[in-house]
C-alpha atoms as a PDB file:
ATOM      1  CA  MET A   1       0.195 -13.047  21.006  1.00  0.00           C
ATOM      2  CA  LYS A   2      -3.670 -13.264  20.864  1.00  0.00           C
ATOM      3  CA  ILE A   3      -5.438 -10.205  19.199  1.00  0.00           C
ATOM      4  CA  THR A   4      -8.439  -8.355  21.369  1.00  0.00           C
ATOM      5  CA  ALA A   5     -10.979  -6.237  19.974  1.00  0.00           C
ATOM      6  CA  LYS A   6      -8.915  -3.823  21.761  1.00  0.00           C
ATOM      7  CA  ASP A   7      -6.174  -4.420  19.890  1.00  0.00           C
ATOM      8  CA  ILE A   8      -8.008  -3.703  16.534  1.00  0.00           C
ATOM      9  CA  ALA A   9      -9.805  -0.633  18.127  1.00  0.00           C
ATOM     10  CA  ARG A  10      -6.267   1.168  18.595  1.00  0.00           C
ATOM     11  CA  ARG A  11      -5.085   0.369  15.253  1.00  0.00           C
ATOM     12  CA  VAL A  12      -8.443   2.117  13.452  1.00  0.00           C
ATOM     13  CA  GLY A  13      -9.050   4.503  16.314  1.00  0.00           C
ATOM     14  CA  VAL A  14     -12.309   3.723  17.314  1.00  0.00           C
ATOM     15  CA  SER A  15     -14.448   2.289  20.592  1.00  0.00           C
ATOM     16  CA  PRO A  16     -14.057  -1.242  21.671  1.00  0.00           C
ATOM     17  CA  ALA A  17     -17.714  -1.055  21.460  1.00  0.00           C
ATOM     18  CA  THR A  18     -17.507  -0.279  17.597  1.00  0.00           C
ATOM     19  CA  VAL A  19     -15.410  -3.367  16.870  1.00  0.00           C
ATOM     20  CA  SER A  20     -17.826  -5.390  18.530  1.00  0.00           C
ATOM     21  CA  MET A  21     -21.004  -4.188  16.894  1.00  0.00           C
ATOM     22  CA  VAL A  22     -18.242  -4.306  13.042  1.00  0.00           C
ATOM     23  CA  PHE A  23     -18.135  -8.055  13.838  1.00  0.00           C
ATOM     24  CA  ARG A  24     -22.428  -8.386  15.686  1.00  0.00           C
ATOM     25  CA  GLN A  25     -23.345  -7.006  11.596  1.00  0.00           C
ATOM     26  CA  ARG A  26     -25.389  -4.177  13.753  1.00  0.00           C
ATOM     27  CA  PRO A  27     -26.645  -1.280  12.218  1.00  0.00           C
ATOM     28  CA  GLY A  28     -25.276   1.982  12.680  1.00  0.00           C
ATOM     29  CA  ILE A  29     -21.534   1.665  11.393  1.00  0.00           C
ATOM     30  CA  SER A  30     -21.244   3.593   8.478  1.00  0.00           C
ATOM     31  CA  GLU A  31     -19.631   1.593   5.687  1.00  0.00           C
ATOM     32  CA  GLU A  32     -15.945   3.004   5.771  1.00  0.00           C
ATOM     33  CA  VAL A  33     -15.559   1.812   9.032  1.00  0.00           C
ATOM     34  CA  ARG A  34     -16.799  -1.256   8.826  1.00  0.00           C
ATOM     35  CA  THR A  35     -14.522  -1.457   6.027  1.00  0.00           C
ATOM     36  CA  GLN A  36     -11.797  -0.822   8.218  1.00  0.00           C
ATOM     37  CA  VAL A  37     -11.853  -3.039  11.337  1.00  0.00           C
ATOM     38  CA  LEU A  38     -12.535  -6.252   9.097  1.00  0.00           C
ATOM     39  CA  ALA A  39      -9.669  -4.974   7.101  1.00  0.00           C
ATOM     40  CA  ALA A  40      -7.124  -4.205  10.744  1.00  0.00           C
ATOM     41  CA  ALA A  41      -8.835  -7.716  11.466  1.00  0.00           C
ATOM     42  CA  GLN A  42      -7.461  -8.974   8.563  1.00  0.00           C
ATOM     43  CA  GLU A  43      -3.593  -7.584   9.173  1.00  0.00           C
ATOM     44  CA  LEU A  44      -3.793  -8.689  12.834  1.00  0.00           C
ATOM     45  CA  GLY A  45      -4.726 -12.124  12.560  1.00  0.00           C
ATOM     46  CA  PHE A  46      -7.966 -11.343  14.404  1.00  0.00           C
ATOM     47  CA  VAL A  47     -10.454 -14.032  15.965  1.00  0.00           C
ATOM     48  CA  TYR A  48     -13.298 -12.865  16.768  1.00  0.00           C
ATOM     49  CA  THR A  49     -15.412 -14.617  19.694  1.00  0.00           C
ATOM     50  CA  GLY A  50     -19.301 -14.079  20.236  1.00  0.00           C
ATOM     51  CA  THR A  51     -22.468 -15.103  21.189  1.00  0.00           C
ATOM     52  CA  GLY A  52     -22.324 -18.572  18.532  1.00  0.00           C
ATOM     53  CA  GLY A  53     -18.488 -19.236  19.769  1.00  0.00           C
ATOM     54  CA  ALA A  54     -15.256 -18.081  18.555  1.00  0.00           C
ATOM     55  CA  ARG A  55     -14.343 -18.198  14.154  1.00  0.00           C
ATOM     56  CA  GLN A  56     -11.770 -16.876  12.949  1.00  0.00           C
ATOM     57  CA  PRO A  57     -13.134 -14.021   9.779  1.00  0.00           C
ATOM     58  CA  ARG A  58     -13.483 -16.184   6.615  1.00  0.00           C
ATOM     59  CA  ILE A  59     -10.998 -14.759   4.799  1.00  0.00           C
ATOM     60  CA  LEU A  60     -10.632 -16.006   0.739  1.00  0.00           C
ATOM     61  CA  GLN A  61      -6.799 -15.166  -0.828  1.00  0.00           C
ATOM     62  CA  PHE A  62      -6.469 -13.445  -4.645  1.00  0.00           C
ATOM     63  CA  ILE A  63      -3.097 -14.792  -5.557  1.00  0.00           C
ATOM     64  CA  ILE A  64      -1.720 -12.716  -9.235  1.00  0.00           C
ATOM     65  CA  TYR A  65       1.131 -14.823 -10.338  1.00  0.00           C
ATOM     66  CA  LYS A  66       3.632 -12.314 -12.294  1.00  0.00           C
ATOM     67  CA  ARG A  67       6.573 -14.815 -13.817  1.00  0.00           C
ATOM     68  CA  HIS A  68       7.390 -11.243 -16.710  1.00  0.00           C
ATOM     69  CA  GLY A  69       4.076  -9.340 -16.629  1.00  0.00           C
ATOM     70  CA  LYS A  70       4.241  -9.532 -19.888  1.00  0.00           C
ATOM     71  CA  VAL A  71       0.340 -11.145 -20.265  1.00  0.00           C
ATOM     72  CA  VAL A  72      -0.626 -10.171 -16.631  1.00  0.00           C
ATOM     73  CA  ALA A  73      -1.241  -6.304 -16.053  1.00  0.00           C
ATOM     74  CA  ASP A  74      -3.486  -4.047 -15.178  1.00  0.00           C
ATOM     75  CA  THR A  75      -6.050  -3.930 -18.749  1.00  0.00           C
ATOM     76  CA  PRO A  76      -9.588  -4.464 -18.575  1.00  0.00           C
ATOM     77  CA  PHE A  77      -9.568  -7.974 -19.383  1.00  0.00           C
ATOM     78  CA  PHE A  78      -7.908  -8.612 -15.439  1.00  0.00           C
ATOM     79  CA  GLU A  79     -10.083  -5.525 -14.327  1.00  0.00           C
ATOM     80  CA  GLN A  80     -12.935  -8.022 -15.238  1.00  0.00           C
ATOM     81  CA  LEU A  81     -11.369 -11.107 -14.227  1.00  0.00           C
ATOM     82  CA  THR A  82     -11.453  -9.684 -10.542  1.00  0.00           C
ATOM     83  CA  LYS A  83     -14.192  -7.404 -10.557  1.00  0.00           C
ATOM     84  CA  GLY A  84     -15.717 -11.353 -11.217  1.00  0.00           C
ATOM     85  CA  VAL A  85     -13.760 -13.010  -8.328  1.00  0.00           C
ATOM     86  CA  SER A  86     -13.975  -9.658  -6.093  1.00  0.00           C
ATOM     87  CA  ASP A  87     -18.161  -9.721  -6.212  1.00  0.00           C
ATOM     88  CA  SER A  88     -19.471 -13.486  -5.449  1.00  0.00           C
ATOM     89  CA  VAL A  89     -16.661 -13.044  -2.533  1.00  0.00           C
ATOM     90  CA  HIS A  90     -18.933 -10.996  -0.769  1.00  0.00           C
ATOM     91  CA  ALA A  91     -22.021 -12.527  -1.791  1.00  0.00           C
ATOM     92  CA  LEU A  92     -20.565 -15.484  -0.472  1.00  0.00           C
ATOM     93  CA  GLY A  93     -19.989 -14.211   2.780  1.00  0.00           C
ATOM     94  CA  TYR A  94     -16.431 -13.952   3.072  1.00  0.00           C
ATOM     95  CA  GLN A  95     -13.655 -11.469   3.109  1.00  0.00           C
ATOM     96  CA  LEU A  96     -11.376 -10.635  -0.065  1.00  0.00           C
ATOM     97  CA  SER A  97      -7.026 -10.021   0.349  1.00  0.00           C
ATOM     98  CA  ILE A  98      -5.737  -9.726  -3.675  1.00  0.00           C
ATOM     99  CA  THR A  99      -1.891 -10.425  -3.155  1.00  0.00           C
ATOM    100  CA  TYR A 100       0.194 -10.141  -6.123  1.00  0.00           C
ATOM    101  CA  PHE A 101       2.969 -13.245  -6.547  1.00  0.00           C
ATOM    102  CA  TYR A 102       6.094 -12.272  -8.467  1.00  0.00           C
ATOM    103  CA  GLY A 103       8.297 -15.633  -9.950  1.00  0.00           C
ATOM    104  CA  ALA A 104      11.509 -14.073  -9.489  1.00  0.00           C
ATOM    105  CA  GLU A 105      11.800 -12.920  -6.111  1.00  0.00           C
ATOM    106  CA  ASN A 106      12.211 -14.002  -2.511  1.00  0.00           C
ATOM    107  CA  VAL A 107       9.739 -17.259  -3.386  1.00  0.00           C
ATOM    108  CA  ASP A 108       9.543 -18.291   1.201  1.00  0.00           C
ATOM    109  CA  GLU A 109       9.008 -15.076   1.729  1.00  0.00           C
ATOM    110  CA  GLN A 110       6.037 -14.269  -0.396  1.00  0.00           C
ATOM    111  CA  LEU A 111       4.554 -18.180   0.634  1.00  0.00           C
ATOM    112  CA  ARG A 112       5.258 -16.650   4.807  1.00  0.00           C
ATOM    113  CA  THR A 113       3.123 -13.357   3.819  1.00  0.00           C
ATOM    114  CA  ILE A 114       0.145 -16.417   2.146  1.00  0.00           C
ATOM    115  CA  LYS A 115      -0.001 -18.479   5.321  1.00  0.00           C
ATOM    116  CA  SER A 116       0.325 -15.032   7.724  1.00  0.00           C
ATOM    117  CA  SER A 117      -3.479 -14.395   7.011  1.00  0.00           C
ATOM    118  CA  ARG A 118      -4.755 -17.321   7.929  1.00  0.00           C
ATOM    119  CA  CYS A 119      -6.749 -17.475   4.353  1.00  0.00           C
ATOM    120  CA  VAL A 120      -9.108 -20.451   4.367  1.00  0.00           C
ATOM    121  CA  GLY A 121      -8.955 -21.027   0.547  1.00  0.00           C
ATOM    122  CA  ILE A 122      -7.381 -19.231  -2.652  1.00  0.00           C
ATOM    123  CA  ILE A 123      -8.353 -18.692  -5.700  1.00  0.00           C
ATOM    124  CA  LEU A 124      -5.488 -18.157  -8.074  1.00  0.00           C
ATOM    125  CA  LEU A 125      -4.415 -15.989 -11.519  1.00  0.00           C
ATOM    126  CA  ALA A 126      -2.471 -18.641 -13.243  1.00  0.00           C
ATOM    127  CA  THR A 127      -2.380 -16.800 -16.054  1.00  0.00           C
ATOM    128  CA  GLU A 128       1.479 -16.411 -17.065  1.00  0.00           C
ATOM    129  CA  MET A 129       2.460 -19.763 -14.663  1.00  0.00           C
ATOM    130  CA  HIS A 130       4.259 -22.783 -16.017  1.00  0.00           C
ATOM    131  CA  THR A 131       3.179 -26.523 -14.044  1.00  0.00           C
ATOM    132  CA  HIS A 132       7.396 -27.033 -11.903  1.00  0.00           C
ATOM    133  CA  ASP A 133       5.642 -22.853 -10.506  1.00  0.00           C
ATOM    134  CA  MET A 134       2.527 -24.675  -8.684  1.00  0.00           C
ATOM    135  CA  ASP A 135       5.261 -26.979  -6.640  1.00  0.00           C
ATOM    136  CA  ILE A 136       5.204 -24.016  -4.181  1.00  0.00           C
ATOM    137  CA  PHE A 137       2.082 -23.947  -3.652  1.00  0.00           C
ATOM    138  CA  ASP A 138       1.594 -27.483  -2.758  1.00  0.00           C
ATOM    139  CA  SER A 139       2.378 -27.037   1.002  1.00  0.00           C
ATOM    140  CA  LEU A 140      -0.266 -24.415   2.141  1.00  0.00           C
ATOM    141  CA  GLY A 141      -3.287 -27.133   3.065  1.00  0.00           C
ATOM    142  CA  VAL A 142      -5.454 -24.520   1.787  1.00  0.00           C
ATOM    143  CA  PRO A 143      -8.003 -25.880  -0.969  1.00  0.00           C
ATOM    144  CA  ILE A 144      -7.012 -24.430  -3.892  1.00  0.00           C
ATOM    145  CA  VAL A 145      -8.845 -22.991  -7.750  1.00  0.00           C
ATOM    146  CA  LEU A 146      -6.893 -22.121 -10.245  1.00  0.00           C
ATOM    147  CA  LEU A 147      -7.724 -19.402 -12.971  1.00  0.00           C
ATOM    148  CA  ASP A 148      -7.469 -18.749 -16.485  1.00  0.00           C
ATOM    149  CA  ASN A 149      -4.753 -21.883 -16.446  1.00  0.00           C
ATOM    150  CA  TRP A 150      -4.267 -25.478 -15.662  1.00  0.00           C
ATOM    151  CA  PHE A 151      -1.543 -28.067 -15.390  1.00  0.00           C
ATOM    152  CA  PRO A 152      -2.532 -31.466 -16.158  1.00  0.00           C
ATOM    153  CA  SER A 153      -0.434 -33.237 -13.798  1.00  0.00           C
ATOM    154  CA  LYS A 154      -2.085 -31.211 -11.160  1.00  0.00           C
ATOM    155  CA  ARG A 155      -5.266 -32.477  -8.862  1.00  0.00           C
ATOM    156  CA  TYR A 156      -6.267 -28.760  -8.647  1.00  0.00           C
ATOM    157  CA  ASP A 157      -9.818 -27.935 -10.149  1.00  0.00           C
ATOM    158  CA  ALA A 158      -9.578 -24.750 -12.525  1.00  0.00           C
ATOM    159  CA  VAL A 159     -11.900 -22.291 -14.664  1.00  0.00           C
ATOM    160  CA  VAL A 160     -10.200 -21.437 -18.173  1.00  0.00           C
ATOM    161  CA  ILE A 161     -11.283 -20.192 -22.087  1.00  0.00           C
ATOM    162  CA  ASP A 162     -11.834 -23.005 -24.383  1.00  0.00           C
ATOM    163  CA  ASN A 163      -9.272 -21.281 -26.042  1.00  0.00           C
ATOM    164  CA  GLN A 164      -8.704 -24.080 -28.909  1.00  0.00           C
ATOM    165  CA  ARG A 165     -12.756 -24.189 -29.457  1.00  0.00           C
ATOM    166  CA  GLY A 166     -12.686 -20.259 -29.861  1.00  0.00           C
ATOM    167  CA  ALA A 167      -9.676 -20.505 -31.917  1.00  0.00           C
ATOM    168  CA  LEU A 168     -10.862 -22.843 -33.907  1.00  0.00           C
ATOM    169  CA  ARG A 169     -14.225 -20.967 -34.418  1.00  0.00           C
ATOM    170  CA  ALA A 170     -12.721 -17.542 -35.265  1.00  0.00           C
ATOM    171  CA  THR A 171     -10.720 -19.421 -38.431  1.00  0.00           C
ATOM    172  CA  GLN A 172     -13.803 -20.834 -39.187  1.00  0.00           C
ATOM    173  CA  TYR A 173     -15.909 -18.004 -39.237  1.00  0.00           C
ATOM    174  CA  LEU A 174     -13.402 -16.364 -41.411  1.00  0.00           C
ATOM    175  CA  ILE A 175     -13.192 -19.315 -43.706  1.00  0.00           C
ATOM    176  CA  GLN A 176     -17.358 -18.947 -43.624  1.00  0.00           C
ATOM    177  CA  CYS A 177     -17.054 -14.961 -45.305  1.00  0.00           C
ATOM    178  CA  GLY A 178     -15.039 -16.494 -48.172  1.00  0.00           C
ATOM    179  CA  HIS A 179     -11.882 -16.149 -47.314  1.00  0.00           C
ATOM    180  CA  THR A 180      -9.446 -19.209 -47.737  1.00  0.00           C
ATOM    181  CA  ARG A 181      -5.513 -17.337 -47.907  1.00  0.00           C
ATOM    182  CA  LEU A 182      -5.539 -16.869 -43.781  1.00  0.00           C
ATOM    183  CA  GLY A 183      -2.467 -15.697 -41.517  1.00  0.00           C
ATOM    184  CA  TYR A 184      -2.145 -16.185 -37.883  1.00  0.00           C
ATOM    185  CA  LEU A 185      -0.647 -13.142 -35.604  1.00  0.00           C
ATOM    186  CA  SER A 186       0.515 -15.133 -32.884  1.00  0.00           C
ATOM    187  CA  SER A 187       2.460 -14.051 -29.485  1.00  0.00           C
ATOM    188  CA  LYS A 188       5.719 -14.014 -28.609  1.00  0.00           C
ATOM    189  CA  VAL A 189       4.918 -15.074 -25.259  1.00  0.00           C
ATOM    190  CA  ASP A 190       4.075 -18.627 -24.963  1.00  0.00           C
ATOM    191  CA  ILE A 191       1.316 -19.376 -22.449  1.00  0.00           C
ATOM    192  CA  ARG A 192      -1.143 -22.216 -22.725  1.00  0.00           C
ATOM    193  CA  ASN A 193      -3.795 -19.584 -23.716  1.00  0.00           C
ATOM    194  CA  PHE A 194      -2.225 -18.953 -27.310  1.00  0.00           C
ATOM    195  CA  VAL A 195      -0.444 -22.556 -27.076  1.00  0.00           C
ATOM    196  CA  GLU A 196      -4.078 -24.001 -27.431  1.00  0.00           C
ATOM    197  CA  ARG A 197      -5.218 -20.966 -29.083  1.00  0.00           C
ATOM    198  CA  ARG A 198      -2.648 -21.732 -32.157  1.00  0.00           C
ATOM    199  CA  GLU A 199      -3.555 -25.413 -31.967  1.00  0.00           C
ATOM    200  CA  GLY A 200      -7.244 -24.475 -33.030  1.00  0.00           C
ATOM    201  CA  TYR A 201      -6.754 -22.177 -35.514  1.00  0.00           C
ATOM    202  CA  LEU A 202      -4.394 -24.991 -37.352  1.00  0.00           C
ATOM    203  CA  SER A 203      -6.855 -27.017 -36.717  1.00  0.00           C
ATOM    204  CA  ALA A 204      -9.452 -24.791 -38.856  1.00  0.00           C
ATOM    205  CA  ILE A 205      -6.658 -24.755 -41.748  1.00  0.00           C
ATOM    206  CA  ARG A 206      -6.585 -28.089 -41.505  1.00  0.00           C
ATOM    207  CA  ALA A 207      -9.866 -28.572 -42.683  1.00  0.00           C
ATOM    208  CA  LEU A 208      -9.199 -26.488 -46.201  1.00  0.00           C
ATOM    209  CA  LYS A 209      -7.175 -29.161 -47.185  1.00  0.00           C
ATOM    210  CA  ASP A 210      -6.685 -27.183 -49.822  1.00  0.00           C
ATOM    211  CA  PRO A 211      -2.569 -28.267 -50.703  1.00  0.00           C
ATOM    212  CA  THR A 212      -1.574 -25.400 -52.331  1.00  0.00           C
ATOM    213  CA  ASN A 213      -2.629 -23.227 -49.153  1.00  0.00           C
ATOM    214  CA  ASP A 214       0.156 -22.493 -46.767  1.00  0.00           C
ATOM    215  CA  SER A 215      -1.922 -20.420 -44.624  1.00  0.00           C
ATOM    216  CA  THR A 216      -0.210 -23.188 -41.844  1.00  0.00           C
ATOM    217  CA  GLN A 217       2.959 -21.728 -42.701  1.00  0.00           C
ATOM    218  CA  ARG A 218       2.073 -17.885 -42.969  1.00  0.00           C
ATOM    219  CA  ILE A 219       2.037 -17.451 -38.947  1.00  0.00           C
ATOM    220  CA  ILE A 220       3.259 -14.478 -37.662  1.00  0.00           C
ATOM    221  CA  ARG A 221       5.701 -13.503 -34.379  1.00  0.00           C
ATOM    222  CA  VAL A 222       4.295 -10.182 -32.136  1.00  0.00           C
ATOM    223  CA  GLY A 223       4.563  -8.701 -29.374  1.00  0.00           C
ATOM    224  CA  THR A 224       1.484  -8.892 -26.794  1.00  0.00           C
ATOM    225  CA  SER A 225       1.004  -5.047 -25.522  1.00  0.00           C
ATOM    226  CA  ILE A 226      -0.549  -3.265 -28.344  1.00  0.00           C
ATOM    227  CA  ASP A 227       2.776  -1.017 -29.465  1.00  0.00           C
ATOM    228  CA  THR A 228       5.114  -3.909 -29.395  1.00  0.00           C
ATOM    229  CA  ALA A 229       2.624  -6.040 -31.995  1.00  0.00           C
ATOM    230  CA  GLN A 230       2.332  -2.819 -34.070  1.00  0.00           C
ATOM    231  CA  GLN A 231       6.025  -2.622 -34.096  1.00  0.00           C
ATOM    232  CA  ASP A 232       6.702  -6.039 -34.743  1.00  0.00           C
ATOM    233  CA  MET A 233       3.988  -5.989 -37.765  1.00  0.00           C
ATOM    234  CA  ALA A 234       5.642  -3.019 -39.227  1.00  0.00           C
ATOM    235  CA  ALA A 235       9.378  -4.753 -39.482  1.00  0.00           C
ATOM    236  CA  TYR A 236       7.553  -7.850 -41.275  1.00  0.00           C
ATOM    237  CA  LEU A 237       5.153  -5.526 -43.610  1.00  0.00           C
ATOM    238  CA  ALA A 238       8.555  -4.357 -44.752  1.00  0.00           C
ATOM    239  CA  THR A 239       9.532  -6.695 -46.206  1.00  0.00           C
ATOM    240  CA  ASP A 240       6.718  -6.501 -49.088  1.00  0.00           C
ATOM    241  CA  PRO A 241       4.963 -10.211 -48.193  1.00  0.00           C
ATOM    242  CA  VAL A 242       2.363 -11.314 -49.957  1.00  0.00           C
ATOM    243  CA  LEU A 243      -0.170 -10.462 -47.517  1.00  0.00           C
ATOM    244  CA  PRO A 244      -2.788 -13.255 -46.533  1.00  0.00           C
ATOM    245  CA  THR A 245      -6.954 -11.686 -46.981  1.00  0.00           C
ATOM    246  CA  ALA A 246      -7.560 -12.224 -43.261  1.00  0.00           C
ATOM    247  CA  PHE A 247      -6.094 -12.538 -39.700  1.00  0.00           C
ATOM    248  CA  PHE A 248      -6.116 -14.757 -36.968  1.00  0.00           C
ATOM    249  CA  ALA A 249      -4.807 -12.690 -33.909  1.00  0.00           C
ATOM    250  CA  ASP A 250      -4.060 -14.475 -30.279  1.00  0.00           C
ATOM    251  CA  ASN A 251      -5.463 -11.265 -28.755  1.00  0.00           C
ATOM    252  CA  ASP A 252      -7.412  -7.747 -29.158  1.00  0.00           C
ATOM    253  CA  ASN A 253      -4.164  -6.269 -28.246  1.00  0.00           C
ATOM    254  CA  ILE A 254      -2.253  -8.359 -31.049  1.00  0.00           C
ATOM    255  CA  ALA A 255      -5.307  -7.620 -32.816  1.00  0.00           C
ATOM    256  CA  ILE A 256      -5.522  -3.896 -32.510  1.00  0.00           C
ATOM    257  CA  GLY A 257      -1.294  -3.064 -32.718  1.00  0.00           C
ATOM    258  CA  CYS A 258      -1.075  -5.368 -36.199  1.00  0.00           C
ATOM    259  CA  LEU A 259      -4.477  -3.348 -37.358  1.00  0.00           C
ATOM    260  CA  ARG A 260      -2.606   0.180 -37.017  1.00  0.00           C
ATOM    261  CA  ALA A 261       0.657  -1.385 -38.176  1.00  0.00           C
ATOM    262  CA  LEU A 262      -1.322  -2.157 -41.755  1.00  0.00           C
ATOM    263  CA  LEU A 263      -3.098   1.469 -41.998  1.00  0.00           C
ATOM    264  CA  ARG A 264       0.253   2.813 -41.657  1.00  0.00           C
ATOM    265  CA  ALA A 265       1.535   0.616 -45.059  1.00  0.00           C
ATOM    266  CA  GLY A 266      -1.382   2.245 -46.630  1.00  0.00           C
ATOM    267  CA  CYS A 267      -3.369  -0.702 -46.646  1.00  0.00           C
ATOM    268  CA  ARG A 268      -7.412  -0.486 -46.419  1.00  0.00           C
ATOM    269  CA  ILE A 269      -8.999  -2.601 -43.135  1.00  0.00           C
ATOM    270  CA  PRO A 270     -11.008  -4.870 -44.001  1.00  0.00           C
ATOM    271  CA  GLU A 271     -11.353  -4.379 -48.088  1.00  0.00           C
ATOM    272  CA  GLU A 272      -7.868  -5.586 -48.668  1.00  0.00           C
ATOM    273  CA  VAL A 273      -7.077  -7.873 -44.924  1.00  0.00           C
ATOM    274  CA  SER A 274      -9.376  -8.832 -42.184  1.00  0.00           C
ATOM    275  CA  ILE A 275      -8.727  -9.607 -38.724  1.00  0.00           C
ATOM    276  CA  ILE A 276     -10.758 -11.292 -36.037  1.00  0.00           C
ATOM    277  CA  GLY A 277      -9.054 -10.853 -31.748  1.00  0.00           C
ATOM    278  CA  PHE A 278      -9.813 -12.830 -28.784  1.00  0.00           C
ATOM    279  CA  ASP A 279     -10.994 -11.718 -25.256  1.00  0.00           C
ATOM    280  CA  ASP A 280     -13.151  -8.679 -26.725  1.00  0.00           C
ATOM    281  CA  MET A 281     -11.440  -6.154 -24.600  1.00  0.00           C
ATOM    282  CA  PRO A 282     -13.744  -2.072 -24.573  1.00  0.00           C
ATOM    283  CA  ILE A 283     -10.874  -0.648 -26.928  1.00  0.00           C
ATOM    284  CA  CYS A 284     -12.617  -3.233 -30.106  1.00  0.00           C
ATOM    285  CA  GLU A 285     -15.784  -1.090 -29.967  1.00  0.00           C
ATOM    286  CA  VAL A 286     -13.757   2.336 -30.096  1.00  0.00           C
ATOM    287  CA  ALA A 287     -11.044   0.604 -32.824  1.00  0.00           C
ATOM    288  CA  GLU A 288     -11.252   2.027 -36.248  1.00  0.00           C
ATOM    289  CA  PRO A 289     -13.041   0.231 -38.216  1.00  0.00           C
ATOM    290  CA  GLN A 290     -14.361  -1.609 -34.623  1.00  0.00           C
ATOM    291  CA  LEU A 291     -12.455  -5.107 -34.306  1.00  0.00           C
ATOM    292  CA  THR A 292     -14.316  -8.392 -34.232  1.00  0.00           C
ATOM    293  CA  THR A 293     -13.099 -10.871 -32.419  1.00  0.00           C
ATOM    294  CA  MET A 294     -14.099 -13.794 -29.557  1.00  0.00           C
ATOM    295  CA  ALA A 295     -16.160 -12.555 -27.033  1.00  0.00           C
ATOM    296  CA  VAL A 296     -14.882 -13.721 -23.114  1.00  0.00           C
ATOM    297  CA  PRO A 297     -16.986 -13.965 -19.850  1.00  0.00           C
ATOM    298  CA  LYS A 298     -14.292 -12.858 -17.659  1.00  0.00           C
ATOM    299  CA  GLY A 299     -16.543 -11.660 -15.363  1.00  0.00           C
ATOM    300  CA  ARG A 300     -17.785 -15.068 -14.929  1.00  0.00           C
ATOM    301  CA  MET A 301     -15.092 -16.935 -14.642  1.00  0.00           C
ATOM    302  CA  GLY A 302     -13.857 -15.464 -11.601  1.00  0.00           C
ATOM    303  CA  ALA A 303     -17.809 -16.267 -10.134  1.00  0.00           C
ATOM    304  CA  LEU A 304     -17.213 -19.872 -11.441  1.00  0.00           C
ATOM    305  CA  ALA A 305     -13.653 -19.781  -9.856  1.00  0.00           C
ATOM    306  CA  VAL A 306     -14.798 -18.168  -6.303  1.00  0.00           C
ATOM    307  CA  GLU A 307     -17.325 -20.943  -6.683  1.00  0.00           C
ATOM    308  CA  ARG A 308     -16.360 -23.366  -6.785  1.00  0.00           C
ATOM    309  CA  LEU A 309     -13.524 -22.826  -4.048  1.00  0.00           C
ATOM    310  CA  ASP A 310     -16.921 -22.062  -1.626  1.00  0.00           C
ATOM    311  CA  ARG A 311     -17.511 -26.064  -2.106  1.00  0.00           C
ATOM    312  CA  LEU A 312     -13.693 -27.240  -1.908  1.00  0.00           C
ATOM    313  CA  ILE A 313     -13.593 -25.108   1.551  1.00  0.00           C
ATOM    314  CA  CYS A 314     -17.575 -26.767   2.580  1.00  0.00           C
ATOM    315  CA  GLY A 315     -16.973 -29.699   2.140  1.00  0.00           C
ATOM    316  CA  GLY A 316     -19.686 -29.936  -0.698  1.00  0.00           C
ATOM    317  CA  THR A 317     -17.483 -31.803  -3.008  1.00  0.00           C
ATOM    318  CA  GLY A 318     -16.808 -35.576  -3.875  1.00  0.00           C
ATOM    319  CA  GLY A 319     -12.789 -34.815  -4.283  1.00  0.00           C
ATOM    320  CA  GLU A 320     -13.731 -35.370  -8.260  1.00  0.00           C
ATOM    321  CA  VAL A 321     -11.032 -32.507  -9.513  1.00  0.00           C
ATOM    322  CA  ILE A 322     -13.045 -30.838 -12.645  1.00  0.00           C
ATOM    323  CA  ARG A 323     -11.703 -28.631 -14.712  1.00  0.00           C
ATOM    324  CA  ILE A 324     -14.448 -25.336 -15.928  1.00  0.00           C
ATOM    325  CA  SER A 325     -14.461 -24.701 -19.655  1.00  0.00           C
ATOM    326  CA  VAL A 326     -15.925 -21.591 -20.501  1.00  0.00           C
ATOM    327  CA  GLN A 327     -16.688 -21.222 -24.275  1.00  0.00           C
ATOM    328  CA  PRO A 328     -15.725 -17.787 -26.095  1.00  0.00           C
ATOM    329  CA  GLU A 329     -18.737 -16.456 -28.819  1.00  0.00           C
ATOM    330  CA  ILE A 330     -18.051 -14.404 -31.313  1.00  0.00           C
ATOM    331  CA  VAL A 331     -18.774 -10.599 -31.652  1.00  0.00           C
ATOM    332  CA  PRO A 332     -19.348  -9.665 -35.253  1.00  0.00           C
ATOM    333  CA  ARG A 333     -17.630  -6.045 -36.101  1.00  0.00           C
ATOM    334  CA  SER A 334     -16.899  -4.147 -39.296  1.00  0.00           C
ATOM    335  CA  SER A 335     -13.008  -6.045 -39.238  1.00  0.00           C
ATOM    336  CA  VAL A 336     -14.258  -8.536 -41.358  1.00  0.00           C
ATOM    337  CA  LEU A 337     -15.468  -8.306 -44.259  1.00  0.00           C
ATOM    338  CA  PRO A 338     -17.318 -10.948 -45.875  1.00  0.00           C
ATOM    339  CA  ARG A 339     -15.609 -12.519 -49.469  1.00  0.00           C
ATOM    340  CA  ASN A 340     -18.715 -14.173 -50.353  1.00  0.00           C
ATOM    341  CA  ARG A 341     -21.529 -11.844 -50.425  1.00  0.00           C
ATOM    342  CA  GLY A 342     -23.847 -12.391 -53.384  1.00  0.00           C
END
C-alpha cells in the first residue's frame, strides 16, 4: 500500500499541509514538528511527490555491529565517532538512521529491518567484526563504507586508524624519553585494531637491537574495561614481577585500569613506571597523574566515512576501492617521565 502525506499526518498528529510544508522545506514549522514528521516518514517508508517530481527521502544507515560488546560500548570514543557521522550526514542533506546489529541474534530478521529502511547507503562500524561477518552485508545492494576496521579480501572502502604506526610512534616516544626496559599492556580481546598496535609495538622494540632486552616477552594480557584491566593487573602484580620502566597500553581504558592497580600496589607513577595509552579519551585529563596518550581524530573519521559514502552514492568515484588511514598524534602529559633529562 502506498504511503501518503495523510498517513504521515495521522501518525504525527498534524495536518497534511504541515507535512507538505516540511518536505517542501517551507518556513514556519517548529524544529520539533519537522523532526517528528521526518522520523515518521522514515518509519513508514514515505515517498514524497512534489513539484520537483517523485523522490524518496535520502536515508543513510549507521550500523553499529556488536559481536560481544567488549570493545564497542557507550564510551566517549564511539560517541565522538557517531557525532562525526551524524554532523556530516545532516550537512550533506541526508537523514540518519542509527541501527545496532548483534552478531549473536537473528541475522535474517535484522537484515530485513535494514532493507525496509530503504536507505541509499550504509556506514558500518566494523570494530568488532571479522572478515566472514561481512558476508551477510554483501546482498544489501547499496554502497557501504566501513568505519574503524577493514578486510583485505573484501571490496569495501574503509576509514581506519593507522594503528601500527601510532603504536610504533608511542613506543618510540618512550624510548626517546630514555626507557629501554618496556612492557606492553595487551587487550584480551583480539580485534584488528589491537593486533595492528601489537605489531607497531614489537617493531619499535626490535629496533632497540639489544639482545638482553626482554620487552618482546613482557606482554601482559588484561581486560578491555577499566575495572577488568585493573583486576588483571593487580593479579599480575601479586606475582611480584620485575616491572619495566614504561608500558605501552592498547587503549586508554586499559592504561587507566593498570595505572590504578600500580598505584594501589604502592608503585609511583611516573617516577617508577611510566604509561602511555591510545585514543585520547576525556578521562586522560582527569586521571592522576594525567595520561600521556595517542590522540585519534574520532569525529573526523566519522565525517570522512560519510563524505566517501556520499561520493559513492553520487557516482563520484572511478570504481576504485580506497582505505583512508588517519594518523594518531602524541599528547604528552604527566604519566611519562623522561629519564634522560639533562
